[in-house]
Amino acid sequence: MRAFYNLWYRRGTPPWVGPARAELVRLVESGRIPPGRSLDLGCGEGDSSVFLARHGFEATGVDFAPAALAKARSKAEAAGVVVRFIEDDLTTMRRVSGPFDVLVDYGSFDDLHGRDRDAYVRAVVPLIRAGGLFLLWCFEWVPSLWERAAVAALPFGDMALRPVRSRSASDGTSRSSASRASPG
């Protein structure tokens, strides 16, 4: 799977790459999330990490695709900010140590399934300080023709690449939420 993502970042731009998410921007710029230590889980090209660093956070981004991290480092340098980018697996987190005040995951957890989700929780939750904030976005999209072909042809194992039925708000919109980690 790592090779697939690495190639995707090397040869193209995955659909989730882009500026920091509007929800994160609003929370930070309104002061609801004050600067502190932040960890961008599955940071990809580092857009959220760079945004957080620009707003005074001691930002760290982690991803398992070296090509994504190379692009992330270039973006941080171009923005004139310092971000620590680490190559690691979100299900083991052997190279990252907390505690962090804010964890951000835009679409990494939802790519995992079964045991990998359990491993993610075991690896990630201990990294947040008591009372810290964990922003987790999960989403689905209608796969393009080439994505459907890739799912059919490649050995993705238990990874959830096919859209699944999800719960949404009663008005039909998706909702993102933030919750605070409980002490102890």
Protein backbone atom coordinates (compact mmCIF):
# COMPACT_ATOMS: atom_id res chain seq x y z
CA MET A 1 0.00 0.00 0.00
CA ARG A 2 2.87 2.37 0.84
CA ALA A 3 4.28 1.92 -2.67
CA PHE A 4 0.89 2.77 -4.20
CA TYR A 5 0.56 6.03 -2.27
CA ASN A 6 4.20 6.93 -2.83
CA LEU A 7 3.79 6.50 -6.58
CA TRP A 8 0.55 8.50 -6.54
CA TYR A 9 2.28 11.42 -4.80
CA ARG A 10 5.31 11.15 -7.05
CA ARG A 11 3.36 11.09 -10.33
CA GLY A 12 0.24 13.07 -9.52
CA THR A 13 -1.92 14.83 -6.99
CA PRO A 14 -4.39 12.82 -4.89
CA PRO A 15 -7.86 14.37 -4.60
CA TRP A 16 -7.45 15.33 -0.93
CA VAL A 17 -4.43 17.57 -1.54
CA GLY A 18 -5.19 21.25 -1.17
CA PRO A 19 -5.26 24.08 1.32
CA ALA A 20 -6.00 23.50 4.99
CA ARG A 21 -9.63 22.53 5.48
CA ALA A 22 -12.10 25.34 6.06
CA GLU A 23 -13.14 23.91 9.44
CA LEU A 24 -9.54 23.90 10.68
CA VAL A 25 -8.95 27.41 9.35
CA ARG A 26 -12.06 28.73 11.15
CA LEU A 27 -11.14 27.05 14.43
CA VAL A 28 -7.57 28.36 14.39
CA GLU A 29 -8.26 31.86 13.07
CA SER A 30 -11.12 32.36 15.55
CA GLY A 31 -8.81 31.46 18.42
CA ARG A 32 -10.86 28.42 19.44
CA ILE A 33 -7.70 26.36 18.95
CA PRO A 34 -4.77 28.27 20.42
CA PRO A 35 -1.22 27.60 19.24
CA GLY A 36 0.51 24.60 20.78
CA ARG A 37 2.11 21.37 19.63
CA SER A 38 0.23 19.92 16.65
CA LEU A 39 0.44 16.58 14.87
CA ASP A 40 -0.95 16.20 11.34
CA LEU A 41 -1.67 12.47 10.90
CA GLY A 42 -1.26 11.27 7.32
CA CYS A 43 -0.10 14.78 6.43
CA GLY A 44 0.45 14.06 2.73
CA GLU A 45 1.84 17.18 1.10
CA GLY A 46 1.72 19.04 4.42
CA ASP A 47 -0.86 21.73 3.73
CA SER A 48 -2.45 21.55 7.20
CA SER A 49 0.96 21.35 8.88
CA VAL A 50 2.17 24.44 7.02
CA PHE A 51 -1.05 26.30 7.89
CA LEU A 52 -0.65 25.45 11.57
CA ALA A 53 3.02 26.49 11.59
CA ARG A 54 2.06 29.83 9.99
CA HIS A 55 -0.31 30.35 12.91
CA GLY A 56 2.26 29.77 15.63
CA PHE A 57 1.96 26.04 16.19
CA GLU A 58 4.96 23.81 16.77
CA ALA A 59 3.85 21.65 13.85
CA THR A 60 4.72 18.04 13.10
CA GLY A 61 3.41 16.09 10.11
CA VAL A 62 3.64 12.33 9.70
CA ASP A 63 3.08 10.23 6.60
CA PHE A 64 4.38 6.92 5.27
CA ALA A 65 4.89 8.12 1.68
CA PRO A 66 8.37 9.63 1.15
CA ALA A 67 7.23 11.39 -2.05
CA ALA A 68 4.46 13.15 -0.12
CA LEU A 69 6.91 14.22 2.57
CA ALA A 70 9.32 15.61 -0.03
CA LYS A 71 6.50 17.81 -1.38
CA ALA A 72 5.53 18.77 2.18
CA ARG A 73 9.09 19.87 3.02
CA SER A 74 9.18 21.98 -0.16
CA LYS A 75 5.89 23.66 0.75
CA ALA A 76 7.11 24.44 4.28
CA GLU A 77 10.35 25.90 2.94
CA ALA A 78 8.49 28.01 0.37
CA ALA A 79 6.19 29.29 3.14
CA GLY A 80 9.15 30.15 5.34
CA VAL A 81 7.96 28.01 8.27
CA VAL A 82 9.50 25.22 10.29
CA VAL A 83 7.59 21.94 10.30
CA ARG A 84 9.00 18.64 11.46
CA PHE A 85 8.01 16.00 8.89
CA ILE A 86 8.43 12.37 9.89
CA GLU A 87 8.11 9.20 7.83
CA ASP A 88 6.18 6.70 9.91
CA ASP A 89 3.21 4.33 9.86
CA LEU A 90 0.07 5.57 11.64
CA THR A 91 -0.60 2.07 12.95
CA THR A 92 2.72 1.87 14.83
CA MET A 93 4.02 5.45 15.28
CA ARG A 94 7.56 4.35 16.17
CA ARG A 95 9.21 7.71 15.36
CA VAL A 96 6.73 10.15 16.87
CA SER A 97 6.49 11.06 20.53
CA GLY A 98 3.95 13.23 22.28
CA PRO A 99 2.26 14.74 23.97
CA PHE A 100 0.55 16.99 21.44
CA ASP A 101 -2.10 19.62 22.12
CA VAL A 102 -3.86 19.07 18.77
CA LEU A 103 -4.09 16.04 16.50
CA VAL A 104 -5.46 16.50 12.98
CA ASP A 105 -6.46 13.64 10.70
CA TYR A 106 -8.04 14.58 7.41
CA GLY A 107 -9.03 11.30 5.81
CA SER A 108 -6.37 8.83 6.97
CA PHE A 109 -8.36 6.84 9.52
CA ASP A 110 -11.15 6.17 7.03
CA ASP A 111 -8.67 4.46 4.69
CA LEU A 112 -7.97 1.86 7.36
CA HIS A 113 -10.05 -1.17 8.21
CA GLY A 114 -10.35 -3.73 10.98
CA ARG A 115 -7.09 -4.47 12.78
CA ASP A 116 -5.38 -1.45 11.22
CA ARG A 117 -7.99 0.87 12.75
CA ASP A 118 -7.47 -0.76 16.13
CA ALA A 119 -3.70 -0.38 15.76
CA TYR A 120 -4.12 3.28 14.74
CA VAL A 121 -6.13 3.98 17.90
CA ARG A 122 -3.53 2.21 20.08
CA ALA A 123 -0.69 4.15 18.42
CA VAL A 124 -2.30 7.60 18.12
CA VAL A 125 -4.44 8.16 21.21
CA PRO A 126 -1.47 8.08 23.64
CA LEU A 127 0.13 10.96 21.72
CA ILE A 128 -2.46 13.55 22.80
CA ARG A 129 -2.14 15.31 26.12
CA ALA A 130 -5.02 15.17 28.59
CA GLY A 131 -7.51 17.84 27.54
CA GLY A 132 -6.03 17.99 24.03
CA LEU A 133 -8.06 18.25 20.87
CA PHE A 134 -8.38 15.54 18.19
CA LEU A 135 -9.92 16.69 14.92
CA LEU A 136 -10.85 13.68 12.80
CA TRP A 137 -12.42 14.01 9.35
CA CYS A 138 -13.71 10.89 7.65
CA PHE A 139 -15.25 11.12 4.23
CA GLU A 140 -16.23 9.20 1.17
CA TRP A 141 -16.27 10.07 -2.46
CA VAL A 142 -17.57 8.60 -5.64
CA PRO A 143 -14.55 6.78 -7.06
CA SER A 144 -13.46 7.79 -10.54
CA LEU A 145 -13.24 5.21 -13.29
CA TRP A 146 -9.50 4.70 -12.75
CA GLU A 147 -9.99 4.36 -8.95
CA ARG A 148 -12.64 1.67 -9.50
CA ALA A 149 -10.25 -0.12 -11.86
CA ALA A 150 -7.42 0.12 -9.32
CA VAL A 151 -9.61 -1.29 -6.54
CA ALA A 152 -10.56 -4.20 -8.78
CA ALA A 153 -7.03 -4.88 -10.00
CA LEU A 154 -4.74 -4.21 -7.04
CA PRO A 155 -4.39 -6.13 -3.76
CA PHE A 156 -5.70 -3.58 -1.25
CA GLY A 157 -6.44 -6.15 1.43
CA ASP A 158 -8.89 -4.84 4.01
CA MET A 159 -8.38 -1.19 3.16
CA ALA A 160 -11.70 0.58 2.75
CA LEU A 161 -11.43 2.15 -0.70
CA ARG A 162 -14.99 1.46 -1.71
CA PRO A 163 -17.53 3.97 -0.43
CA VAL A 164 -19.58 2.61 2.43
CA ARG A 165 -22.89 3.69 3.85
CA SER A 166 -22.19 6.44 6.37
CA ARG A 167 -24.17 8.31 8.95
CA SER A 168 -24.82 11.95 8.24
CA ALA A 169 -26.79 14.75 9.76
CA SER A 170 -30.55 14.68 9.48
CA ASP A 171 -30.38 17.49 6.93
CA GLY A 172 -28.26 15.31 4.64
CA THR A 173 -25.01 17.19 5.19
CA SER A 174 -21.82 15.75 6.58
CA ARG A 175 -20.69 17.01 9.92
CA SER A 176 -17.19 17.21 11.29
CA SER A 177 -16.71 17.38 14.99
CA ALA A 178 -13.97 17.85 17.47
CA SER A 179 -13.79 16.24 20.84
CA ARG A 180 -11.42 16.69 23.73
CA ALA A 181 -9.37 13.79 25.06
CA SER A 182 -10.25 12.79 28.60
CA PRO A 183 -7.56 12.76 31.27
CA GLY A 184 -6.13 9.45 32.20
